PDB file of N, CA and C in Angstrom:
ATOM      1  N   MET A   1     -93.677 107.416 -18.418  1.00  0.00           N
ATOM      2  CA  MET A   1     -92.638 108.353 -18.014  1.00  0.00           C
ATOM      3  C   MET A   1     -93.288 109.568 -17.358  1.00  0.00           C
ATOM      4  N   LYS A   2     -92.860 109.958 -16.155  1.00  0.00           N
ATOM      5  CA  LYS A   2     -93.419 111.084 -15.466  1.00  0.00           C
ATOM      6  C   LYS A   2     -92.845 112.398 -15.979  1.00  0.00           C
ATOM      7  N   LYS A   3     -93.686 113.400 -16.036  1.00  0.00           N
ATOM      8  CA  LYS A   3     -93.237 114.747 -16.452  1.00  0.00           C
ATOM      9  C   LYS A   3     -92.168 115.218 -15.435  1.00  0.00           C
ATOM     10  N   GLY A   4     -91.046 115.729 -15.976  1.00  0.00           N
ATOM     11  CA  GLY A   4     -89.992 116.229 -15.105  1.00  0.00           C
ATOM     12  C   GLY A   4     -89.010 115.184 -14.693  1.00  0.00           C
ATOM     13  N   SER A   5     -89.222 113.931 -15.094  1.00  0.00           N
ATOM     14  CA  SER A   5     -88.287 112.869 -14.701  1.00  0.00           C
ATOM     15  C   SER A   5     -87.053 112.956 -15.605  1.00  0.00           C
ATOM     16  N   PRO A   6     -85.895 112.488 -15.158  1.00  0.00           N
ATOM     17  CA  PRO A   6     -84.707 112.480 -15.988  1.00  0.00           C
ATOM     18  C   PRO A   6     -84.917 111.850 -17.338  1.00  0.00           C
ATOM     19  N   GLU A   7     -85.775 110.790 -17.348  1.00  0.00           N
ATOM     20  CA  GLU A   7     -85.998 110.073 -18.612  1.00  0.00           C
ATOM     21  C   GLU A   7     -86.748 111.025 -19.634  1.00  0.00           C
ATOM     22  N   GLY A   8     -87.398 112.022 -19.143  1.00  0.00           N
ATOM     23  CA  GLY A   8     -88.170 112.902 -19.998  1.00  0.00           C
ATOM     24  C   GLY A   8     -87.406 114.066 -20.605  1.00  0.00           C
ATOM     25  N   TYR A   9     -86.120 114.177 -20.335  1.00  0.00           N
ATOM     26  CA  TYR A   9     -85.321 115.259 -20.852  1.00  0.00           C
ATOM     27  C   TYR A   9     -85.051 115.070 -22.341  1.00  0.00           C
ATOM     28  N   ASN A  10     -85.274 116.137 -23.081  1.00  0.00           N
ATOM     29  CA  ASN A  10     -85.056 116.105 -24.537  1.00  0.00           C
ATOM     30  C   ASN A  10     -83.676 116.670 -24.789  1.00  0.00           C
ATOM     31  N   VAL A  11     -82.693 115.825 -25.066  1.00  0.00           N
ATOM     32  CA  VAL A  11     -81.306 116.251 -25.233  1.00  0.00           C
ATOM     33  C   VAL A  11     -81.208 117.265 -26.346  1.00  0.00           C
ATOM     34  N   ALA A  12     -81.974 117.122 -27.406  1.00  0.00           N
ATOM     35  CA  ALA A  12     -81.888 118.039 -28.530  1.00  0.00           C
ATOM     36  C   ALA A  12     -82.330 119.425 -28.126  1.00  0.00           C
ATOM     37  N   GLU A  13     -83.321 119.528 -27.238  1.00  0.00           N
ATOM     38  CA  GLU A  13     -83.829 120.865 -26.771  1.00  0.00           C
ATOM     39  C   GLU A  13     -82.914 121.483 -25.770  1.00  0.00           C
ATOM     40  N   THR A  14     -82.463 120.705 -24.764  1.00  0.00           N
ATOM     41  CA  THR A  14     -81.751 121.284 -23.655  1.00  0.00           C
ATOM     42  C   THR A  14     -80.242 121.198 -23.795  1.00  0.00           C
ATOM     43  N   GLY A  15     -79.754 120.227 -24.502  1.00  0.00           N
ATOM     44  CA  GLY A  15     -78.310 120.001 -24.588  1.00  0.00           C
ATOM     45  C   GLY A  15     -77.792 119.216 -23.393  1.00  0.00           C
ATOM     46  N   PHE A  16     -78.659 118.869 -22.457  1.00  0.00           N
ATOM     47  CA  PHE A  16     -78.251 118.102 -21.283  1.00  0.00           C
ATOM     48  C   PHE A  16     -78.922 116.746 -21.233  1.00  0.00           C
ATOM     49  N   CYS A  17     -78.151 115.762 -20.772  1.00  0.00           N
ATOM     50  CA  CYS A  17     -78.714 114.409 -20.653  1.00  0.00           C
ATOM     51  C   CYS A  17     -79.407 114.248 -19.321  1.00  0.00           C
ATOM     52  N   GLU A  18     -79.027 115.053 -18.350  1.00  0.00           N
ATOM     53  CA  GLU A  18     -79.539 114.930 -16.976  1.00  0.00           C
ATOM     54  C   GLU A  18     -79.986 116.297 -16.490  1.00  0.00           C
ATOM     55  N   PRO A  19     -80.869 116.300 -15.432  1.00  0.00           N
ATOM     56  CA  PRO A  19     -81.308 117.584 -14.898  1.00  0.00           C
ATOM     57  C   PRO A  19     -80.079 118.279 -14.226  1.00  0.00           C
ATOM     58  N   ALA A  20     -80.139 119.602 -14.188  1.00  0.00           N
ATOM     59  CA  ALA A  20     -79.030 120.317 -13.496  1.00  0.00           C
ATOM     60  C   ALA A  20     -78.947 119.978 -12.011  1.00  0.00           C
ATOM     61  N   GLN A  21     -80.084 119.745 -11.379  1.00  0.00           N
ATOM     62  CA  GLN A  21     -80.131 119.383  -9.983  1.00  0.00           C
ATOM     63  C   GLN A  21     -80.913 118.059  -9.837  1.00  0.00           C
ATOM     64  N   LYS A  22     -80.492 117.232  -8.934  1.00  0.00           N
ATOM     65  CA  LYS A  22     -81.206 116.047  -8.622  1.00  0.00           C
ATOM     66  C   LYS A  22     -82.363 116.459  -7.727  1.00  0.00           C
ATOM     67  N   PRO A  23     -83.544 115.807  -7.787  1.00  0.00           N
ATOM     68  CA  PRO A  23     -84.612 116.164  -6.853  1.00  0.00           C
ATOM     69  C   PRO A  23     -84.213 115.978  -5.404  1.00  0.00           C
ATOM     70  N   GLN A  24     -84.717 116.853  -4.546  1.00  0.00           N
ATOM     71  CA  GLN A  24     -84.382 116.746  -3.109  1.00  0.00           C
ATOM     72  C   GLN A  24     -85.278 115.676  -2.550  1.00  0.00           C
ATOM     73  N   THR A  25     -84.686 114.979  -1.581  1.00  0.00           N
ATOM     74  CA  THR A  25     -85.449 113.917  -0.904  1.00  0.00           C
ATOM     75  C   THR A  25     -85.463 114.241   0.594  1.00  0.00           C
ATOM     76  N   GLY A  26     -86.371 113.592   1.315  1.00  0.00           N
ATOM     77  CA  GLY A  26     -86.441 113.806   2.737  1.00  0.00           C
ATOM     78  C   GLY A  26     -87.405 114.886   3.156  1.00  0.00           C
ATOM     79  N   GLU A  27     -87.431 115.164   4.374  1.00  0.00           N
ATOM     80  CA  GLU A  27     -88.391 116.128   4.939  1.00  0.00           C
ATOM     81  C   GLU A  27     -87.888 117.558   4.708  1.00  0.00           C
ATOM     82  N   PRO A  28     -88.802 118.522   4.761  1.00  0.00           N
ATOM     83  CA  PRO A  28     -88.422 119.889   4.656  1.00  0.00           C
ATOM     84  C   PRO A  28     -87.483 120.321   5.787  1.00  0.00           C
ATOM     85  N   ASN A  29     -86.716 121.363   5.593  1.00  0.00           N
ATOM     86  CA  ASN A  29     -85.707 121.801   6.572  1.00  0.00           C
ATOM     87  C   ASN A  29     -86.307 122.065   7.949  1.00  0.00           C
ATOM     88  N   GLU A  30     -87.519 122.553   8.028  1.00  0.00           N
ATOM     89  CA  GLU A  30     -88.095 122.888   9.347  1.00  0.00           C
ATOM     90  C   GLU A  30     -88.345 121.658  10.171  1.00  0.00           C
ATOM     91  N   ARG A  31     -88.605 120.506   9.497  1.00  0.00           N
ATOM     92  CA  ARG A  31     -88.915 119.306  10.231  1.00  0.00           C
ATOM     93  C   ARG A  31     -87.691 118.437  10.514  1.00  0.00           C
ATOM     94  N   ASN A  32     -86.726 118.437   9.662  1.00  0.00           N
ATOM     95  CA  ASN A  32     -85.559 117.607   9.853  1.00  0.00           C
ATOM     96  C   ASN A  32     -84.359 118.370   9.358  1.00  0.00           C
ATOM     97  N   PRO A  33     -83.966 119.446  10.076  1.00  0.00           N
ATOM     98  CA  PRO A  33     -82.839 120.258   9.576  1.00  0.00           C
ATOM     99  C   PRO A  33     -81.502 119.584   9.743  1.00  0.00           C
ATOM    100  N   LEU A  34     -80.643 119.862   8.840  1.00  0.00           N
ATOM    101  CA  LEU A  34     -79.241 119.347   8.973  1.00  0.00           C
ATOM    102  C   LEU A  34     -78.619 119.978  10.212  1.00  0.00           C
ATOM    103  N   TYR A  35     -78.809 121.261  10.343  1.00  0.00           N
ATOM    104  CA  TYR A  35     -78.368 121.971  11.547  1.00  0.00           C
ATOM    105  C   TYR A  35     -79.585 122.648  12.197  1.00  0.00           C
ATOM    106  N   ARG A  36     -79.742 122.479  13.435  1.00  0.00           N
ATOM    107  CA  ARG A  36     -80.883 123.068  14.111  1.00  0.00           C
ATOM    108  C   ARG A  36     -80.596 124.533  14.494  1.00  0.00           C
ATOM    109  N   ILE A  37     -79.335 124.866  14.436  1.00  0.00           N
ATOM    110  CA  ILE A  37     -78.910 126.273  14.785  1.00  0.00           C
ATOM    111  C   ILE A  37     -78.165 126.863  13.567  1.00  0.00           C
ATOM    112  N   ASN A  38     -78.559 128.029  13.183  1.00  0.00           N
ATOM    113  CA  ASN A  38     -77.909 128.781  12.097  1.00  0.00           C
ATOM    114  C   ASN A  38     -77.435 130.134  12.669  1.00  0.00           C
ATOM    115  N   ILE A  39     -76.212 130.501  12.377  1.00  0.00           N
ATOM    116  CA  ILE A  39     -75.659 131.753  12.873  1.00  0.00           C
ATOM    117  C   ILE A  39     -75.156 132.580  11.774  1.00  0.00           C
ATOM    118  N   GLY A  40     -75.629 133.852  11.767  1.00  0.00           N
ATOM    119  CA  GLY A  40     -75.141 134.802  10.805  1.00  0.00           C
ATOM    120  C   GLY A  40     -74.162 135.788  11.430  1.00  0.00           C
ATOM    121  N   PHE A  41     -73.078 136.043  10.702  1.00  0.00           N
ATOM    122  CA  PHE A  41     -72.041 136.914  11.209  1.00  0.00           C
ATOM    123  C   PHE A  41     -71.963 138.179  10.301  1.00  0.00           C
ATOM    124  N   ASP A  42     -71.876 139.348  10.951  1.00  0.00           N
ATOM    125  CA  ASP A  42     -71.660 140.586  10.252  1.00  0.00           C
ATOM    126  C   ASP A  42     -70.321 141.098  10.724  1.00  0.00           C
ATOM    127  N   VAL A  43     -69.276 140.906   9.880  1.00  0.00           N
ATOM    128  CA  VAL A  43     -67.895 141.169  10.312  1.00  0.00           C
ATOM    129  C   VAL A  43     -67.468 142.579   9.978  1.00  0.00           C
ATOM    130  N   HIS A  44     -66.954 143.281  10.949  1.00  0.00           N
ATOM    131  CA  HIS A  44     -66.428 144.643  10.802  1.00  0.00           C
ATOM    132  C   HIS A  44     -64.994 144.662  11.236  1.00  0.00           C
ATOM    133  N   LYS A  45     -64.313 145.745  11.117  1.00  0.00           N
ATOM    134  CA  LYS A  45     -62.900 145.841  11.425  1.00  0.00           C
ATOM    135  C   LYS A  45     -62.617 145.499  12.895  1.00  0.00           C
ATOM    136  N   LYS A  46     -63.422 146.040  13.789  1.00  0.00           N
ATOM    137  CA  LYS A  46     -63.150 145.847  15.223  1.00  0.00           C
ATOM    138  C   LYS A  46     -64.128 144.956  15.954  1.00  0.00           C
ATOM    139  N   SER A  47     -65.274 144.600  15.307  1.00  0.00           N
ATOM    140  CA  SER A  47     -66.248 143.815  15.987  1.00  0.00           C
ATOM    141  C   SER A  47     -67.000 142.874  15.032  1.00  0.00           C
ATOM    142  N   ILE A  48     -67.593 141.868  15.586  1.00  0.00           N
ATOM    143  CA  ILE A  48     -68.448 140.938  14.814  1.00  0.00           C
ATOM    144  C   ILE A  48     -69.801 140.880  15.488  1.00  0.00           C
ATOM    145  N   SER A  49     -70.866 141.284  14.756  1.00  0.00           N
ATOM    146  CA  SER A  49     -72.219 141.088  15.271  1.00  0.00           C
ATOM    147  C   SER A  49     -72.695 139.742  14.819  1.00  0.00           C
ATOM    148  N   TYR A  50     -73.497 139.089  15.644  1.00  0.00           N
ATOM    149  CA  TYR A  50     -73.999 137.790  15.262  1.00  0.00           C
ATOM    150  C   TYR A  50     -75.456 137.615  15.674  1.00  0.00           C
ATOM    151  N   TRP A  51     -76.130 136.703  14.957  1.00  0.00           N
ATOM    152  CA  TRP A  51     -77.494 136.376  15.244  1.00  0.00           C
ATOM    153  C   TRP A  51     -77.605 134.847  15.183  1.00  0.00           C
ATOM    154  N   VAL A  52     -78.183 134.268  16.250  1.00  0.00           N
ATOM    155  CA  VAL A  52     -78.358 132.819  16.361  1.00  0.00           C
ATOM    156  C   VAL A  52     -79.864 132.558  16.142  1.00  0.00           C
ATOM    157  N   LYS A  53     -80.142 131.751  15.113  1.00  0.00           N
ATOM    158  CA  LYS A  53     -81.538 131.462  14.764  1.00  0.00           C
ATOM    159  C   LYS A  53     -81.792 129.932  14.845  1.00  0.00           C
ATOM    160  N   ALA A  54     -82.959 129.584  15.281  1.00  0.00           N
ATOM    161  CA  ALA A  54     -83.384 128.178  15.227  1.00  0.00           C
ATOM    162  C   ALA A  54     -83.877 127.865  13.840  1.00  0.00           C
ATOM    163  N   ALA A  55     -83.992 126.568  13.480  1.00  0.00           N
ATOM    164  CA  ALA A  55     -84.388 126.140  12.149  1.00  0.00           C
ATOM    165  C   ALA A  55     -85.772 126.686  11.808  1.00  0.00           C
ATOM    166  N   ASP A  56     -86.625 126.962  12.805  1.00  0.00           N
ATOM    167  CA  ASP A  56     -87.943 127.504  12.455  1.00  0.00           C
ATOM    168  C   ASP A  56     -87.942 129.022  12.321  1.00  0.00           C
ATOM    169  N   GLY A  57     -86.737 129.665  12.422  1.00  0.00           N
ATOM    170  CA  GLY A  57     -86.653 131.109  12.165  1.00  0.00           C
ATOM    171  C   GLY A  57     -86.660 131.991  13.416  1.00  0.00           C
ATOM    172  N   ARG A  58     -86.884 131.395  14.587  1.00  0.00           N
ATOM    173  CA  ARG A  58     -86.871 132.187  15.787  1.00  0.00           C
ATOM    174  C   ARG A  58     -85.464 132.636  16.096  1.00  0.00           C
ATOM    175  N   ILE A  59     -85.287 133.952  16.475  1.00  0.00           N
ATOM    176  CA  ILE A  59     -83.986 134.412  16.913  1.00  0.00           C
ATOM    177  C   ILE A  59     -83.801 134.016  18.375  1.00  0.00           C
ATOM    178  N   LEU A  60     -82.748 133.253  18.638  1.00  0.00           N
ATOM    179  CA  LEU A  60     -82.460 132.747  20.007  1.00  0.00           C
ATOM    180  C   LEU A  60     -81.511 133.619  20.753  1.00  0.00           C
ATOM    181  N   GLU A  61     -80.624 134.328  19.998  1.00  0.00           N
ATOM    182  CA  GLU A  61     -79.566 135.084  20.638  1.00  0.00           C
ATOM    183  C   GLU A  61     -79.000 136.054  19.641  1.00  0.00           C
ATOM    184  N   GLU A  62     -78.605 137.219  20.072  1.00  0.00           N
ATOM    185  CA  GLU A  62     -77.815 138.113  19.202  1.00  0.00           C
ATOM    186  C   GLU A  62     -76.838 138.847  20.086  1.00  0.00           C
ATOM    187  N   GLY A  63     -75.765 139.309  19.498  1.00  0.00           N
ATOM    188  CA  GLY A  63     -74.772 139.986  20.284  1.00  0.00           C
ATOM    189  C   GLY A  63     -73.600 140.496  19.435  1.00  0.00           C
ATOM    190  N   LYS A  64     -72.541 140.879  20.114  1.00  0.00           N
ATOM    191  CA  LYS A  64     -71.380 141.436  19.442  1.00  0.00           C
ATOM    192  C   LYS A  64     -70.118 140.930  20.188  1.00  0.00           C
ATOM    193  N   ILE A  65     -69.109 140.584  19.449  1.00  0.00           N
ATOM    194  CA  ILE A  65     -67.839 140.136  20.011  1.00  0.00           C
ATOM    195  C   ILE A  65     -66.680 140.895  19.337  1.00  0.00           C
ATOM    196  N   ARG A  66     -65.536 140.946  19.990  1.00  0.00           N
ATOM    197  CA  ARG A  66     -64.373 141.606  19.334  1.00  0.00           C
ATOM    198  C   ARG A  66     -63.928 140.792  18.106  1.00  0.00           C
ATOM    199  N   ALA A  67     -63.428 141.436  17.147  1.00  0.00           N
ATOM    200  CA  ALA A  67     -62.995 140.806  15.881  1.00  0.00           C
ATOM    201  C   ALA A  67     -61.533 140.336  16.007  1.00  0.00           C
ATOM    202  N   THR A  68     -61.336 139.309  16.834  1.00  0.00           N
ATOM    203  CA  THR A  68     -60.038 138.670  16.990  1.00  0.00           C
ATOM    204  C   THR A  68     -60.203 137.206  16.956  1.00  0.00           C
ATOM    205  N   HIS A  69     -59.078 136.498  16.619  1.00  0.00           N
ATOM    206  CA  HIS A  69     -59.152 134.995  16.588  1.00  0.00           C
ATOM    207  C   HIS A  69     -59.507 134.498  17.995  1.00  0.00           C
ATOM    208  N   GLU A  70     -58.900 135.032  19.005  1.00  0.00           N
ATOM    209  CA  GLU A  70     -59.098 134.562  20.387  1.00  0.00           C
ATOM    210  C   GLU A  70     -60.554 134.734  20.766  1.00  0.00           C
ATOM    211  N   ALA A  71     -61.139 135.884  20.546  1.00  0.00           N
ATOM    212  CA  ALA A  71     -62.495 136.135  20.972  1.00  0.00           C
ATOM    213  C   ALA A  71     -63.500 135.224  20.213  1.00  0.00           C
ATOM    214  N   LEU A  72     -63.202 135.045  18.909  1.00  0.00           N
ATOM    215  CA  LEU A  72     -64.119 134.206  18.088  1.00  0.00           C
ATOM    216  C   LEU A  72     -64.042 132.763  18.558  1.00  0.00           C
ATOM    217  N   ARG A  73     -62.761 132.306  18.794  1.00  0.00           N
ATOM    218  CA  ARG A  73     -62.626 130.892  19.294  1.00  0.00           C
ATOM    219  C   ARG A  73     -63.329 130.661  20.618  1.00  0.00           C
ATOM    220  N   GLN A  74     -63.141 131.610  21.526  1.00  0.00           N
ATOM    221  CA  GLN A  74     -63.776 131.447  22.860  1.00  0.00           C
ATOM    222  C   GLN A  74     -65.291 131.436  22.717  1.00  0.00           C
ATOM    223  N   TRP A  75     -65.849 132.322  21.868  1.00  0.00           N
ATOM    224  CA  TRP A  75     -67.279 132.381  21.634  1.00  0.00           C
ATOM    225  C   TRP A  75     -67.779 131.064  21.024  1.00  0.00           C
ATOM    226  N   ALA A  76     -67.062 130.558  19.993  1.00  0.00           N
ATOM    227  CA  ALA A  76     -67.512 129.303  19.332  1.00  0.00           C
ATOM    228  C   ALA A  76     -67.395 128.115  20.246  1.00  0.00           C
ATOM    229  N   ALA A  77     -66.427 128.108  21.174  1.00  0.00           N
ATOM    230  CA  ALA A  77     -66.259 126.985  22.099  1.00  0.00           C
ATOM    231  C   ALA A  77     -67.477 126.834  23.021  1.00  0.00           C
ATOM    232  N   LYS A  78     -68.192 127.951  23.266  1.00  0.00           N
ATOM    233  CA  LYS A  78     -69.337 127.876  24.201  1.00  0.00           C
ATOM    234  C   LYS A  78     -70.589 127.338  23.498  1.00  0.00           C
ATOM    235  N   ARG A  79     -70.599 127.159  22.224  1.00  0.00           N
ATOM    236  CA  ARG A  79     -71.741 126.565  21.488  1.00  0.00           C
ATOM    237  C   ARG A  79     -71.884 125.099  21.909  1.00  0.00           C
ATOM    238  N   THR A  80     -73.087 124.674  22.341  1.00  0.00           N
ATOM    239  CA  THR A  80     -73.259 123.372  22.893  1.00  0.00           C
ATOM    240  C   THR A  80     -73.805 122.380  21.879  1.00  0.00           C
ATOM    241  N   GLU A  81     -74.277 122.802  20.672  1.00  0.00           N
ATOM    242  CA  GLU A  81     -74.774 121.903  19.703  1.00  0.00           C
ATOM    243  C   GLU A  81     -74.275 122.310  18.296  1.00  0.00           C
ATOM    244  N   PRO A  82     -74.331 121.377  17.359  1.00  0.00           N
ATOM    245  CA  PRO A  82     -73.814 121.710  16.024  1.00  0.00           C
ATOM    246  C   PRO A  82     -74.535 122.927  15.405  1.00  0.00           C
ATOM    247  N   TRP A  83     -73.777 123.722  14.694  1.00  0.00           N
ATOM    248  CA  TRP A  83     -74.393 124.917  14.066  1.00  0.00           C
ATOM    249  C   TRP A  83     -73.790 125.130  12.675  1.00  0.00           C
ATOM    250  N   HIS A  84     -74.490 125.918  11.936  1.00  0.00           N
ATOM    251  CA  HIS A  84     -74.109 126.278  10.593  1.00  0.00           C
ATOM    252  C   HIS A  84     -73.946 127.800  10.574  1.00  0.00           C
ATOM    253  N   GLY A  85     -72.777 128.313  10.116  1.00  0.00           N
ATOM    254  CA  GLY A  85     -72.545 129.720  10.137  1.00  0.00           C
ATOM    255  C   GLY A  85     -72.453 130.298   8.679  1.00  0.00           C
ATOM    256  N   ALA A  86     -72.807 131.553   8.575  1.00  0.00           N
ATOM    257  CA  ALA A  86     -72.674 132.214   7.279  1.00  0.00           C
ATOM    258  C   ALA A  86     -72.249 133.676   7.507  1.00  0.00           C
ATOM    259  N   MET A  87     -71.425 134.178   6.619  1.00  0.00           N
ATOM    260  CA  MET A  87     -70.993 135.539   6.725  1.00  0.00           C
ATOM    261  C   MET A  87     -70.822 136.125   5.326  1.00  0.00           C
ATOM    262  N   GLU A  88     -70.895 137.427   5.259  1.00  0.00           N
ATOM    263  CA  GLU A  88     -70.619 138.091   4.003  1.00  0.00           C
ATOM    264  C   GLU A  88     -69.128 138.281   3.844  1.00  0.00           C
ATOM    265  N   ALA A  89     -68.645 137.987   2.659  1.00  0.00           N
ATOM    266  CA  ALA A  89     -67.187 138.171   2.400  1.00  0.00           C
ATOM    267  C   ALA A  89     -66.934 139.666   2.190  1.00  0.00           C
ATOM    268  N   THR A  90     -66.136 140.236   3.061  1.00  0.00           N
ATOM    269  CA  THR A  90     -65.799 141.661   2.994  1.00  0.00           C
ATOM    270  C   THR A  90     -64.282 141.793   3.174  1.00  0.00           C
ATOM    271  N   LEU A  91     -63.847 143.040   3.164  1.00  0.00           N
ATOM    272  CA  LEU A  91     -62.408 143.327   3.405  1.00  0.00           C
ATOM    273  C   LEU A  91     -61.964 142.861   4.756  1.00  0.00           C
ATOM    274  N   PHE A  92     -62.899 142.764   5.690  1.00  0.00           N
ATOM    275  CA  PHE A  92     -62.548 142.458   7.079  1.00  0.00           C
ATOM    276  C   PHE A  92     -62.773 141.013   7.473  1.00  0.00           C
ATOM    277  N   SER A  93     -63.201 140.136   6.564  1.00  0.00           N
ATOM    278  CA  SER A  93     -63.573 138.757   6.962  1.00  0.00           C
ATOM    279  C   SER A  93     -62.501 137.737   6.523  1.00  0.00           C
ATOM    280  N   GLY A  94     -61.533 138.071   5.743  1.00  0.00           N
ATOM    281  CA  GLY A  94     -60.557 137.105   5.257  1.00  0.00           C
ATOM    282  C   GLY A  94     -59.827 136.335   6.335  1.00  0.00           C
ATOM    283  N   TRP A  95     -59.511 137.026   7.434  1.00  0.00           N
ATOM    284  CA  TRP A  95     -58.771 136.361   8.521  1.00  0.00           C
ATOM    285  C   TRP A  95     -59.522 135.219   9.156  1.00  0.00           C
ATOM    286  N   ILE A  96     -60.837 135.227   9.048  1.00  0.00           N
ATOM    287  CA  ILE A  96     -61.635 134.214   9.720  1.00  0.00           C
ATOM    288  C   ILE A  96     -61.452 132.830   9.071  1.00  0.00           C
ATOM    289  N   TYR A  97     -61.391 132.772   7.756  1.00  0.00           N
ATOM    290  CA  TYR A  97     -61.227 131.499   7.102  1.00  0.00           C
ATOM    291  C   TYR A  97     -59.820 131.213   6.624  1.00  0.00           C
ATOM    292  N   ASP A  98     -58.900 132.139   6.759  1.00  0.00           N
ATOM    293  CA  ASP A  98     -57.506 131.876   6.351  1.00  0.00           C
ATOM    294  C   ASP A  98     -56.788 131.030   7.383  1.00  0.00           C
TER     295      ASP A  98
END
């Protein structure tokens, strides 16, 4: 039995029969990312600042758009490859996911 394997869990000590997380498989994110483009959004009342980063961490683009459904849709429609976006939940971001 290998150390750290699910078979090695002591139920009496941990209270768990299985590990909290399954081991990750596959290559690291830099070599085989799920999304090659990651976009961060900083949402304000009247504008959205954004940063477009490659999987290796390079900033490819940054800018600002108006904080409206129409402007965000038009901006997103110009993206040519799959991307993953993240934003901080604030008073001004609810309209984006509603």
